[in-house]
PDB file of N, CA and C in Angstrom:
ATOM      1  N   MET A   1       0.987  -1.189  -0.063  1.00  0.00           N
ATOM      2  CA  MET A   1       0.067  -0.004   0.075  1.00  0.00           C
ATOM      3  C   MET A   1       0.557   1.256  -0.313  1.00  0.00           C
ATOM      4  N   ILE A   2       0.003   2.271  -0.897  1.00  0.00           N
ATOM      5  CA  ILE A   2       0.985   3.446  -0.907  1.00  0.00           C
ATOM      6  C   ILE A   2      -0.095   4.564  -0.432  1.00  0.00           C
ATOM      7  N   ILE A   3       0.487   5.055   1.118  1.00  0.00           N
ATOM      8  CA  ILE A   3       0.019   6.094   1.960  1.00  0.00           C
ATOM      9  C   ILE A   3       0.636   7.817   0.658  1.00  0.00           C
ATOM     10  N   ALA A   4      -0.135   8.529   0.760  1.00  0.00           N
ATOM     11  CA  ALA A   4       0.651  10.112   0.253  1.00  0.00           C
ATOM     12  C   ALA A   4       0.238  11.013   1.923  1.00  0.00           C
ATOM     13  N   VAL A   5       1.424  11.630   1.819  1.00  0.00           N
ATOM     14  CA  VAL A   5       0.906  13.017   2.624  1.00  0.00           C
ATOM     15  C   VAL A   5       1.325  14.143   1.757  1.00  0.00           C
ATOM     16  N   PRO A   6       1.088  15.096   1.795  1.00  0.00           N
ATOM     17  CA  PRO A   6       1.293  16.233   1.340  1.00  0.00           C
ATOM     18  C   PRO A   6       1.222  16.749   2.997  1.00  0.00           C
ATOM     19  N   ILE A   7       3.279  17.230   2.008  1.00  0.00           N
ATOM     20  CA  ILE A   7       3.919  18.716   3.093  1.00  0.00           C
ATOM     21  C   ILE A   7       4.462  19.563   2.475  1.00  0.00           C
ATOM     22  N   SER A   8       4.559  20.602   3.689  1.00  0.00           N
ATOM     23  CA  SER A   8       4.953  21.494   3.115  1.00  0.00           C
ATOM     24  C   SER A   8       5.681  21.817   4.353  1.00  0.00           C
ATOM     25  N   ASN A   9       7.548  22.691   5.033  1.00  0.00           N
ATOM     26  CA  ASN A   9       8.210  22.409   5.763  1.00  0.00           C
ATOM     27  C   ASN A   9       8.288  21.326   6.596  1.00  0.00           C
ATOM     28  N   GLY A  10       8.745  20.353   6.544  1.00  0.00           N
ATOM     29  CA  GLY A  10       8.609  18.804   6.732  1.00  0.00           C
ATOM     30  C   GLY A  10       7.625  18.601   7.318  1.00  0.00           C
ATOM     31  N   ARG A  11       6.087  18.759   7.696  1.00  0.00           N
ATOM     32  CA  ARG A  11       5.262  18.446   8.319  1.00  0.00           C
ATOM     33  C   ARG A  11       3.832  18.706   7.538  1.00  0.00           C
ATOM     34  N   LEU A  12       2.722  17.948   8.171  1.00  0.00           N
ATOM     35  CA  LEU A  12       1.083  17.638   6.631  1.00  0.00           C
ATOM     36  C   LEU A  12       1.369  18.975   6.467  1.00  0.00           C
ATOM     37  N   SER A  13       0.961  19.733   5.302  1.00  0.00           N
ATOM     38  CA  SER A  13       0.781  20.788   4.786  1.00  0.00           C
ATOM     39  C   SER A  13      -1.302  20.543   4.836  1.00  0.00           C
ATOM     40  N   MET A  14      -1.453  21.500   5.621  1.00  0.00           N
ATOM     41  CA  MET A  14      -2.994  21.712   5.785  1.00  0.00           C
ATOM     42  C   MET A  14      -3.904  21.885   4.516  1.00  0.00           C
ATOM     43  N   HIS A  15      -3.090  21.696   3.757  1.00  0.00           N
ATOM     44  CA  HIS A  15      -4.488  22.198   2.151  1.00  0.00           C
ATOM     45  C   HIS A  15      -3.331  21.368   0.679  1.00  0.00           C
ATOM     46  N   PHE A  16      -3.895  20.481   1.179  1.00  0.00           N
ATOM     47  CA  PHE A  16      -2.516  19.306   0.562  1.00  0.00           C
ATOM     48  C   PHE A  16      -2.869  20.283  -1.125  1.00  0.00           C
ATOM     49  N   GLY A  17      -3.626  20.901  -1.318  1.00  0.00           N
ATOM     50  CA  GLY A  17      -3.357  21.335  -3.142  1.00  0.00           C
ATOM     51  C   GLY A  17      -2.702  22.614  -3.203  1.00  0.00           C
ATOM     52  N   HIS A  18      -1.739  22.642  -2.536  1.00  0.00           N
ATOM     53  CA  HIS A  18      -0.780  23.330  -2.153  1.00  0.00           C
ATOM     54  C   HIS A  18       0.246  23.857  -1.442  1.00  0.00           C
ATOM     55  N   CYS A  19       0.709  22.548  -1.277  1.00  0.00           N
ATOM     56  CA  CYS A  19       1.691  21.187  -1.010  1.00  0.00           C
ATOM     57  C   CYS A  19       2.893  21.672  -1.772  1.00  0.00           C
ATOM     58  N   ASP A  20       3.951  21.573  -0.754  1.00  0.00           N
ATOM     59  CA  ASP A  20       4.778  21.271  -2.474  1.00  0.00           C
ATOM     60  C   ASP A  20       5.573  20.031  -2.274  1.00  0.00           C
ATOM     61  N   ALA A  21       5.372  18.888  -1.518  1.00  0.00           N
ATOM     62  CA  ALA A  21       5.709  18.327  -2.075  1.00  0.00           C
ATOM     63  C   ALA A  21       4.675  17.160  -1.629  1.00  0.00           C
ATOM     64  N   PHE A  22       4.637  14.944  -1.594  1.00  0.00           N
ATOM     65  CA  PHE A  22       4.125  14.127  -1.429  1.00  0.00           C
ATOM     66  C   PHE A  22       5.180  13.664  -0.791  1.00  0.00           C
ATOM     67  N   ALA A  23       5.036  13.338   0.760  1.00  0.00           N
ATOM     68  CA  ALA A  23       5.930  11.566   0.777  1.00  0.00           C
ATOM     69  C   ALA A  23       4.891  10.835   0.566  1.00  0.00           C
ATOM     70  N   LEU A  24       5.542   9.799  -0.496  1.00  0.00           N
ATOM     71  CA  LEU A  24       4.771   8.786  -0.411  1.00  0.00           C
ATOM     72  C   LEU A  24       5.482   7.477   0.297  1.00  0.00           C
ATOM     73  N   PHE A  25       4.747   6.829   1.575  1.00  0.00           N
ATOM     74  CA  PHE A  25       5.451   5.900   1.739  1.00  0.00           C
ATOM     75  C   PHE A  25       4.812   4.336   1.587  1.00  0.00           C
ATOM     76  N   ASP A  26       5.741   3.635   1.376  1.00  0.00           N
ATOM     77  CA  ASP A  26       4.991   2.299   0.930  1.00  0.00           C
ATOM     78  C   ASP A  26       5.217   0.989   1.628  1.00  0.00           C
ATOM     79  N   VAL A  27       4.205   1.170   2.206  1.00  0.00           N
ATOM     80  CA  VAL A  27       4.022   0.857   3.513  1.00  0.00           C
ATOM     81  C   VAL A  27       3.910  -1.325   4.196  1.00  0.00           C
ATOM     82  N   ASN A  28       3.748  -1.542   4.770  1.00  0.00           N
ATOM     83  CA  ASN A  28       2.893  -3.278   4.665  1.00  0.00           C
ATOM     84  C   ASN A  28       2.218  -3.197   5.240  1.00  0.00           C
ATOM     85  N   ALA A  29       0.804  -2.833   5.733  1.00  0.00           N
ATOM     86  CA  ALA A  29      -0.244  -2.714   6.401  1.00  0.00           C
ATOM     87  C   ALA A  29      -0.251  -4.589   7.357  1.00  0.00           C
ATOM     88  N   GLU A  30      -0.087  -5.075   7.439  1.00  0.00           N
ATOM     89  CA  GLU A  30      -0.224  -6.509   7.696  1.00  0.00           C
ATOM     90  C   GLU A  30       1.277  -6.368   9.337  1.00  0.00           C
ATOM     91  N   THR A  31       1.762  -6.271   8.754  1.00  0.00           N
ATOM     92  CA  THR A  31       3.429  -5.860   9.768  1.00  0.00           C
ATOM     93  C   THR A  31       3.347  -4.745  10.418  1.00  0.00           C
ATOM     94  N   GLN A  32       2.555  -3.529   9.993  1.00  0.00           N
ATOM     95  CA  GLN A  32       2.089  -2.223  11.031  1.00  0.00           C
ATOM     96  C   GLN A  32       3.811  -1.126  10.600  1.00  0.00           C
ATOM     97  N   SER A  33       4.420  -1.284   9.811  1.00  0.00           N
ATOM     98  CA  SER A  33       5.201  -0.664   8.879  1.00  0.00           C
ATOM     99  C   SER A  33       5.939  -0.312   7.666  1.00  0.00           C
ATOM    100  N   ILE A  34       6.868   0.385   7.934  1.00  0.00           N
ATOM    101  CA  ILE A  34       6.856   1.024   6.933  1.00  0.00           C
ATOM    102  C   ILE A  34       8.323   1.249   5.916  1.00  0.00           C
ATOM    103  N   ARG A  35       8.137   0.785   4.188  1.00  0.00           N
ATOM    104  CA  ARG A  35       9.186  -0.374   4.320  1.00  0.00           C
ATOM    105  C   ARG A  35       9.896   0.946   3.531  1.00  0.00           C
ATOM    106  N   ASN A  36       9.905   2.319   2.873  1.00  0.00           N
ATOM    107  CA  ASN A  36      10.082   3.018   1.943  1.00  0.00           C
ATOM    108  C   ASN A  36       9.581   3.972   2.222  1.00  0.00           C
ATOM    109  N   ARG A  37      10.163   5.773   2.127  1.00  0.00           N
ATOM    110  CA  ARG A  37       9.581   6.473   1.939  1.00  0.00           C
ATOM    111  C   ARG A  37      10.050   7.624   0.447  1.00  0.00           C
ATOM    112  N   LYS A  38       9.407   7.818  -0.302  1.00  0.00           N
ATOM    113  CA  LYS A  38      10.033   8.929  -1.049  1.00  0.00           C
ATOM    114  C   LYS A  38       9.218  10.327  -1.380  1.00  0.00           C
ATOM    115  N   ASP A  39       9.725  11.183  -1.382  1.00  0.00           N
ATOM    116  CA  ASP A  39       9.075  12.336  -1.430  1.00  0.00           C
ATOM    117  C   ASP A  39       9.485  12.921  -3.183  1.00  0.00           C
ATOM    118  N   VAL A  40       8.364  13.422  -3.507  1.00  0.00           N
ATOM    119  CA  VAL A  40       8.147  13.383  -5.026  1.00  0.00           C
ATOM    120  C   VAL A  40       7.395  15.507  -5.308  1.00  0.00           C
ATOM    121  N   ASP A  41       7.998  15.967  -5.747  1.00  0.00           N
ATOM    122  CA  ASP A  41       8.071  17.623  -5.692  1.00  0.00           C
ATOM    123  C   ASP A  41       5.845  17.234  -7.124  1.00  0.00           C
ATOM    124  N   ALA A  42       5.212  18.296  -5.849  1.00  0.00           N
ATOM    125  CA  ALA A  42       3.796  18.611  -6.310  1.00  0.00           C
ATOM    126  C   ALA A  42       4.007  19.059  -7.035  1.00  0.00           C
ATOM    127  N   PRO A  43       3.103  19.058  -8.189  1.00  0.00           N
ATOM    128  CA  PRO A  43       2.820  19.565  -9.697  1.00  0.00           C
ATOM    129  C   PRO A  43       1.941  20.836  -9.310  1.00  0.00           C
ATOM    130  N   ASP A  44       2.020  21.712  -9.894  1.00  0.00           N
ATOM    131  CA  ASP A  44       1.580  22.751 -10.415  1.00  0.00           C
ATOM    132  C   ASP A  44      -0.080  22.822  -9.995  1.00  0.00           C
ATOM    133  N   HIS A  45      -0.321  23.656  -8.846  1.00  0.00           N
ATOM    134  CA  HIS A  45      -2.062  23.307  -8.184  1.00  0.00           C
ATOM    135  C   HIS A  45      -2.769  23.300  -9.632  1.00  0.00           C
ATOM    136  N   GLN A  46      -3.587  22.863 -10.074  1.00  0.00           N
ATOM    137  CA  GLN A  46      -4.745  22.151 -10.845  1.00  0.00           C
ATOM    138  C   GLN A  46      -5.860  21.784 -10.792  1.00  0.00           C
ATOM    139  N   PRO A  47      -7.360  22.754 -10.978  1.00  0.00           N
ATOM    140  CA  PRO A  47      -8.449  22.178 -10.428  1.00  0.00           C
ATOM    141  C   PRO A  47      -8.516  20.299 -11.059  1.00  0.00           C
ATOM    142  N   GLY A  48      -8.307  19.434 -10.015  1.00  0.00           N
ATOM    143  CA  GLY A  48      -8.350  18.027 -10.573  1.00  0.00           C
ATOM    144  C   GLY A  48      -7.105  17.514 -11.332  1.00  0.00           C
ATOM    145  N   LEU A  49      -6.501  17.825 -10.741  1.00  0.00           N
ATOM    146  CA  LEU A  49      -5.202  17.215 -11.408  1.00  0.00           C
ATOM    147  C   LEU A  49      -4.447  16.565 -10.266  1.00  0.00           C
ATOM    148  N   LEU A  50      -4.959  16.423  -9.404  1.00  0.00           N
ATOM    149  CA  LEU A  50      -4.152  15.533  -8.135  1.00  0.00           C
ATOM    150  C   LEU A  50      -4.425  14.040  -8.169  1.00  0.00           C
ATOM    151  N   PRO A  51      -5.765  13.927  -7.952  1.00  0.00           N
ATOM    152  CA  PRO A  51      -6.260  13.333  -7.643  1.00  0.00           C
ATOM    153  C   PRO A  51      -5.461  11.471  -8.792  1.00  0.00           C
ATOM    154  N   PRO A  52      -6.168  12.222 -10.445  1.00  0.00           N
ATOM    155  CA  PRO A  52      -4.843  11.028 -11.617  1.00  0.00           C
ATOM    156  C   PRO A  52      -3.705  11.290 -11.081  1.00  0.00           C
ATOM    157  N   TRP A  53      -3.430  11.854 -10.815  1.00  0.00           N
ATOM    158  CA  TRP A  53      -0.843  12.046 -10.956  1.00  0.00           C
ATOM    159  C   TRP A  53      -0.963  11.147  -9.932  1.00  0.00           C
ATOM    160  N   LEU A  54      -1.707  11.637  -8.076  1.00  0.00           N
ATOM    161  CA  LEU A  54      -1.025  10.688  -7.074  1.00  0.00           C
ATOM    162  C   LEU A  54      -1.604   8.953  -7.627  1.00  0.00           C
ATOM    163  N   ALA A  55      -2.482   8.904  -8.575  1.00  0.00           N
ATOM    164  CA  ALA A  55      -2.820   7.100  -8.983  1.00  0.00           C
ATOM    165  C   ALA A  55      -1.405   6.878  -9.298  1.00  0.00           C
ATOM    166  N   GLU A  56      -1.431   7.319 -10.368  1.00  0.00           N
ATOM    167  CA  GLU A  56      -0.300   7.685 -11.577  1.00  0.00           C
ATOM    168  C   GLU A  56       0.927   7.461 -10.664  1.00  0.00           C
ATOM    169  N   GLN A  57       1.204   7.498  -9.130  1.00  0.00           N
ATOM    170  CA  GLN A  57       2.593   7.784  -8.471  1.00  0.00           C
ATOM    171  C   GLN A  57       1.724   5.959  -7.556  1.00  0.00           C
ATOM    172  N   GLY A  58       0.993   5.845  -7.559  1.00  0.00           N
ATOM    173  CA  GLY A  58       0.561   4.414  -7.261  1.00  0.00           C
ATOM    174  C   GLY A  58       0.440   4.424  -5.552  1.00  0.00           C
ATOM    175  N   ALA A  59      -0.425   5.816  -5.481  1.00  0.00           N
ATOM    176  CA  ALA A  59      -1.090   6.415  -3.918  1.00  0.00           C
ATOM    177  C   ALA A  59      -2.690   4.941  -3.938  1.00  0.00           C
ATOM    178  N   ASN A  60      -2.840   4.912  -2.980  1.00  0.00           N
ATOM    179  CA  ASN A  60      -3.555   4.204  -2.367  1.00  0.00           C
ATOM    180  C   ASN A  60      -4.262   4.661  -1.864  1.00  0.00           C
ATOM    181  N   MET A  61      -3.689   5.887  -0.921  1.00  0.00           N
ATOM    182  CA  MET A  61      -4.657   6.148  -0.012  1.00  0.00           C
ATOM    183  C   MET A  61      -4.247   8.077   0.547  1.00  0.00           C
ATOM    184  N   ILE A  62      -4.618   9.178   0.941  1.00  0.00           N
ATOM    185  CA  ILE A  62      -4.137  10.078   0.864  1.00  0.00           C
ATOM    186  C   ILE A  62      -4.498  10.548   2.334  1.00  0.00           C
ATOM    187  N   LEU A  63      -3.494  10.812   3.051  1.00  0.00           N
ATOM    188  CA  LEU A  63      -4.208  11.374   4.588  1.00  0.00           C
ATOM    189  C   LEU A  63      -4.007  12.952   4.663  1.00  0.00           C
ATOM    190  N   ALA A  64      -4.904  13.737   4.678  1.00  0.00           N
ATOM    191  CA  ALA A  64      -4.993  15.373   4.579  1.00  0.00           C
ATOM    192  C   ALA A  64      -5.599  15.508   5.860  1.00  0.00           C
ATOM    193  N   GLY A  65      -4.939  16.864   5.908  1.00  0.00           N
ATOM    194  CA  GLY A  65      -5.843  17.818   7.268  1.00  0.00           C
ATOM    195  C   GLY A  65      -7.484  18.327   6.653  1.00  0.00           C
ATOM    196  N   GLY A  66      -7.598  18.682   5.202  1.00  0.00           N
ATOM    197  CA  GLY A  66      -8.809  18.859   4.463  1.00  0.00           C
ATOM    198  C   GLY A  66      -8.672  18.894   3.236  1.00  0.00           C
ATOM    199  N   MET A  67     -10.315  19.068   2.707  1.00  0.00           N
ATOM    200  CA  MET A  67     -10.359  17.908   1.353  1.00  0.00           C
ATOM    201  C   MET A  67     -11.815  18.357   1.276  1.00  0.00           C
ATOM    202  N   GLY A  68     -11.816  19.865  -0.219  1.00  0.00           N
ATOM    203  CA  GLY A  68     -13.586  19.775  -0.324  1.00  0.00           C
ATOM    204  C   GLY A  68     -14.431  18.507  -0.837  1.00  0.00           C
ATOM    205  N   GLN A  69     -15.142  18.758  -1.053  1.00  0.00           N
ATOM    206  CA  GLN A  69     -15.772  16.844  -1.280  1.00  0.00           C
ATOM    207  C   GLN A  69     -15.707  16.487  -3.440  1.00  0.00           C
ATOM    208  N   ARG A  70     -15.199  18.052  -3.924  1.00  0.00           N
ATOM    209  CA  ARG A  70     -15.050  17.385  -5.314  1.00  0.00           C
ATOM    210  C   ARG A  70     -13.583  16.562  -5.406  1.00  0.00           C
ATOM    211  N   ALA A  71     -12.588  17.353  -4.870  1.00  0.00           N
ATOM    212  CA  ALA A  71     -12.112  16.631  -4.356  1.00  0.00           C
ATOM    213  C   ALA A  71     -11.842  15.127  -4.177  1.00  0.00           C
ATOM    214  N   GLN A  72     -12.631  14.814  -2.875  1.00  0.00           N
ATOM    215  CA  GLN A  72     -12.872  13.725  -2.285  1.00  0.00           C
ATOM    216  C   GLN A  72     -13.501  12.827  -2.702  1.00  0.00           C
ATOM    217  N   MET A  73     -14.435  13.819  -4.524  1.00  0.00           N
ATOM    218  CA  MET A  73     -14.876  12.443  -5.292  1.00  0.00           C
ATOM    219  C   MET A  73     -13.971  12.269  -6.088  1.00  0.00           C
ATOM    220  N   LEU A  74     -13.170  12.845  -6.382  1.00  0.00           N
ATOM    221  CA  LEU A  74     -12.038  12.901  -7.396  1.00  0.00           C
ATOM    222  C   LEU A  74     -10.888  11.553  -6.923  1.00  0.00           C
ATOM    223  N   PHE A  75     -11.048  11.514  -5.552  1.00  0.00           N
ATOM    224  CA  PHE A  75      -9.849  10.665  -5.286  1.00  0.00           C
ATOM    225  C   PHE A  75     -10.899   9.229  -5.250  1.00  0.00           C
ATOM    226  N   GLN A  76     -11.872   9.123  -5.265  1.00  0.00           N
ATOM    227  CA  GLN A  76     -12.450   7.946  -4.728  1.00  0.00           C
ATOM    228  C   GLN A  76     -12.894   7.469  -6.320  1.00  0.00           C
ATOM    229  N   GLN A  77     -12.837   8.409  -7.456  1.00  0.00           N
ATOM    230  CA  GLN A  77     -13.194   8.263  -8.452  1.00  0.00           C
ATOM    231  C   GLN A  77     -11.857   6.810  -8.240  1.00  0.00           C
ATOM    232  N   GLN A  78     -10.535   7.515  -8.533  1.00  0.00           N
ATOM    233  CA  GLN A  78      -9.155   6.849  -8.349  1.00  0.00           C
ATOM    234  C   GLN A  78      -8.484   5.517  -7.843  1.00  0.00           C
ATOM    235  N   GLY A  79     -10.029   5.490  -6.918  1.00  0.00           N
ATOM    236  CA  GLY A  79      -8.829   4.568  -5.971  1.00  0.00           C
ATOM    237  C   GLY A  79      -8.589   4.337  -4.563  1.00  0.00           C
ATOM    238  N   ILE A  80      -9.332   5.876  -4.949  1.00  0.00           N
ATOM    239  CA  ILE A  80      -7.631   6.304  -3.596  1.00  0.00           C
ATOM    240  C   ILE A  80      -8.511   6.888  -2.652  1.00  0.00           C
ATOM    241  N   ASP A  81      -8.365   6.020  -1.153  1.00  0.00           N
ATOM    242  CA  ASP A  81      -8.682   6.291   0.137  1.00  0.00           C
ATOM    243  C   ASP A  81      -8.503   7.256   0.841  1.00  0.00           C
ATOM    244  N   VAL A  82      -9.251   8.447   0.978  1.00  0.00           N
ATOM    245  CA  VAL A  82      -9.157  10.156   2.005  1.00  0.00           C
ATOM    246  C   VAL A  82      -9.610   9.852   3.233  1.00  0.00           C
ATOM    247  N   VAL A  83      -8.164  10.099   4.288  1.00  0.00           N
ATOM    248  CA  VAL A  83      -8.573  10.031   5.594  1.00  0.00           C
ATOM    249  C   VAL A  83      -8.147  12.042   6.195  1.00  0.00           C
ATOM    250  N   LEU A  84      -9.335  12.017   6.522  1.00  0.00           N
ATOM    251  CA  LEU A  84      -9.583  13.806   6.582  1.00  0.00           C
ATOM    252  C   LEU A  84      -9.290  14.224   7.758  1.00  0.00           C
ATOM    253  N   GLY A  85      -8.683  15.176   8.587  1.00  0.00           N
ATOM    254  CA  GLY A  85      -8.446  15.392   9.676  1.00  0.00           C
ATOM    255  C   GLY A  85      -7.711  15.172  10.635  1.00  0.00           C
ATOM    256  N   ALA A  86      -6.984  14.924   9.885  1.00  0.00           N
ATOM    257  CA  ALA A  86      -5.130  14.634  10.254  1.00  0.00           C
ATOM    258  C   ALA A  86      -4.490  16.054  11.258  1.00  0.00           C
ATOM    259  N   SER A  87      -3.595  15.673  12.019  1.00  0.00           N
ATOM    260  CA  SER A  87      -2.541  17.061  12.816  1.00  0.00           C
ATOM    261  C   SER A  87      -1.833  17.281  11.670  1.00  0.00           C
ATOM    262  N   SER A  88      -1.126  18.441  11.956  1.00  0.00           N
ATOM    263  CA  SER A  88      -0.245  18.679  11.655  1.00  0.00           C
ATOM    264  C   SER A  88       1.240  18.615  12.414  1.00  0.00           C
ATOM    265  N   GLU A  89       1.377  17.908  11.488  1.00  0.00           N
ATOM    266  CA  GLU A  89       2.701  16.754  11.867  1.00  0.00           C
ATOM    267  C   GLU A  89       3.988  16.351  10.882  1.00  0.00           C
ATOM    268  N   THR A  90       4.745  15.543  11.457  1.00  0.00           N
ATOM    269  CA  THR A  90       5.331  14.522  10.826  1.00  0.00           C
ATOM    270  C   THR A  90       5.131  13.841   9.364  1.00  0.00           C
ATOM    271  N   PRO A  91       5.528  13.494   8.846  1.00  0.00           N
ATOM    272  CA  PRO A  91       4.559  12.467   7.779  1.00  0.00           C
ATOM    273  C   PRO A  91       4.744  11.381   8.237  1.00  0.00           C
ATOM    274  N   GLU A  92       5.753  10.715   9.260  1.00  0.00           N
ATOM    275  CA  GLU A  92       6.419  10.038   9.276  1.00  0.00           C
ATOM    276  C   GLU A  92       5.787   9.532  10.467  1.00  0.00           C
ATOM    277  N   GLN A  93       5.276  10.294  12.019  1.00  0.00           N
ATOM    278  CA  GLN A  93       4.655   9.925  12.933  1.00  0.00           C
ATOM    279  C   GLN A  93       2.924  10.298  12.665  1.00  0.00           C
ATOM    280  N   LEU A  94       2.436  10.714  11.724  1.00  0.00           N
ATOM    281  CA  LEU A  94       1.184  10.257  11.014  1.00  0.00           C
ATOM    282  C   LEU A  94       1.048   8.603  10.680  1.00  0.00           C
ATOM    283  N   VAL A  95       1.943   8.533   9.469  1.00  0.00           N
ATOM    284  CA  VAL A  95       1.594   7.542   8.866  1.00  0.00           C
ATOM    285  C   VAL A  95       1.790   6.013   9.936  1.00  0.00           C
ATOM    286  N   LYS A  96       2.988   6.146  10.732  1.00  0.00           N
ATOM    287  CA  LYS A  96       3.084   5.548  12.218  1.00  0.00           C
ATOM    288  C   LYS A  96       1.915   5.466  12.839  1.00  0.00           C
ATOM    289  N   ALA A  97       1.277   6.514  13.223  1.00  0.00           N
ATOM    290  CA  ALA A  97      -0.081   6.374  13.986  1.00  0.00           C
ATOM    291  C   ALA A  97      -1.232   5.446  13.128  1.00  0.00           C
ATOM    292  N   LEU A  98      -0.927   5.554  12.137  1.00  0.00           N
ATOM    293  CA  LEU A  98      -2.498   5.418  10.816  1.00  0.00           C
ATOM    294  C   LEU A  98      -2.285   3.843  11.241  1.00  0.00           C
ATOM    295  N   LEU A  99      -1.144   3.248  11.100  1.00  0.00           N
ATOM    296  CA  LEU A  99      -0.428   1.985  10.901  1.00  0.00           C
ATOM    297  C   LEU A  99      -1.251   1.032  12.386  1.00  0.00           C
ATOM    298  N   ALA A 100      -1.089   1.578  13.253  1.00  0.00           N
ATOM    299  CA  ALA A 100      -0.756   1.250  14.184  1.00  0.00           C
ATOM    300  C   ALA A 100      -2.223   1.337  15.296  1.00  0.00           C
ATOM    301  N   GLY A 101      -3.219   2.019  14.358  1.00  0.00           N
ATOM    302  CA  GLY A 101      -4.546   2.415  14.680  1.00  0.00           C
ATOM    303  C   GLY A 101      -4.601   3.387  15.880  1.00  0.00           C
ATOM    304  N   THR A 102      -3.551   4.605  16.194  1.00  0.00           N
ATOM    305  CA  THR A 102      -3.331   5.158  16.939  1.00  0.00           C
ATOM    306  C   THR A 102      -4.286   6.732  16.198  1.00  0.00           C
ATOM    307  N   LEU A 103      -4.648   6.733  14.879  1.00  0.00           N
ATOM    308  CA  LEU A 103      -4.132   8.013  14.785  1.00  0.00           C
ATOM    309  C   LEU A 103      -5.406   9.066  15.025  1.00  0.00           C
ATOM    310  N   GLU A 104      -5.586   9.920  16.155  1.00  0.00           N
ATOM    311  CA  GLU A 104      -6.366  11.223  15.908  1.00  0.00           C
ATOM    312  C   GLU A 104      -6.917  11.970  14.914  1.00  0.00           C
ATOM    313  N   THR A 105      -8.007  12.021  14.938  1.00  0.00           N
ATOM    314  CA  THR A 105      -8.760  13.168  13.314  1.00  0.00           C
ATOM    315  C   THR A 105      -9.774  14.012  13.968  1.00  0.00           C
ATOM    316  N   GLY A 106      -9.485  14.901  13.315  1.00  0.00           N
ATOM    317  CA  GLY A 106     -10.489  15.722  13.592  1.00  0.00           C
ATOM    318  C   GLY A 106     -11.519  16.154  13.205  1.00  0.00           C
ATOM    319  N   ALA A 107     -11.987  17.290  12.565  1.00  0.00           N
ATOM    320  CA  ALA A 107     -12.807  17.443  11.768  1.00  0.00           C
ATOM    321  C   ALA A 107     -12.397  18.361  10.336  1.00  0.00           C
ATOM    322  N   ASN A 108     -12.906  18.463   8.968  1.00  0.00           N
ATOM    323  CA  ASN A 108     -11.930  18.323   8.088  1.00  0.00           C
ATOM    324  C   ASN A 108     -12.338  20.141   7.809  1.00  0.00           C
ATOM    325  N   ILE A 109     -10.664  20.499   7.721  1.00  0.00           N
ATOM    326  CA  ILE A 109     -10.231  21.972   7.529  1.00  0.00           C
ATOM    327  C   ILE A 109     -10.353  22.753   6.704  1.00  0.00           C
ATOM    328  N   CYS A 110     -11.111  22.077   5.049  1.00  0.00           N
ATOM    329  CA  CYS A 110     -11.655  22.547   4.196  1.00  0.00           C
ATOM    330  C   CYS A 110     -13.287  22.092   3.941  1.00  0.00           C
ATOM    331  N   ASP A 111     -13.929  23.653   3.707  1.00  0.00           N
ATOM    332  CA  ASP A 111     -15.031  23.525   3.388  1.00  0.00           C
ATOM    333  C   ASP A 111     -15.703  23.680   1.702  1.00  0.00           C
ATOM    334  N   HIS A 112     -14.749  24.046   0.342  1.00  0.00           N
ATOM    335  CA  HIS A 112     -14.974  24.126  -0.809  1.00  0.00           C
ATOM    336  C   HIS A 112     -14.926  23.299  -1.328  1.00  0.00           C
TER     337      HIS A 112
END
């Protein structure tokens, strides 16, 4: 499984569409471990571009602080699960908490 985390300044970018890069984690869900991390620069922001682009990167899930309804629908159409309400922590902390089942999420911070 590949988990995508939008990042800016080494932490979760609270607005995924304006992040600097994505940390892509290849994880083993059975052993709850991270196999590999690869950071890729985000493409220029264009509405609707990120879901197919992340699908091309192999992402199965995106972990975000917030996301509009249209973006959520576009990710779902690409077969990418969306986890919202994550806090601005380091990508590793978030992915490890997700794998351990201890990730605390709050409200979707984006309403557009």
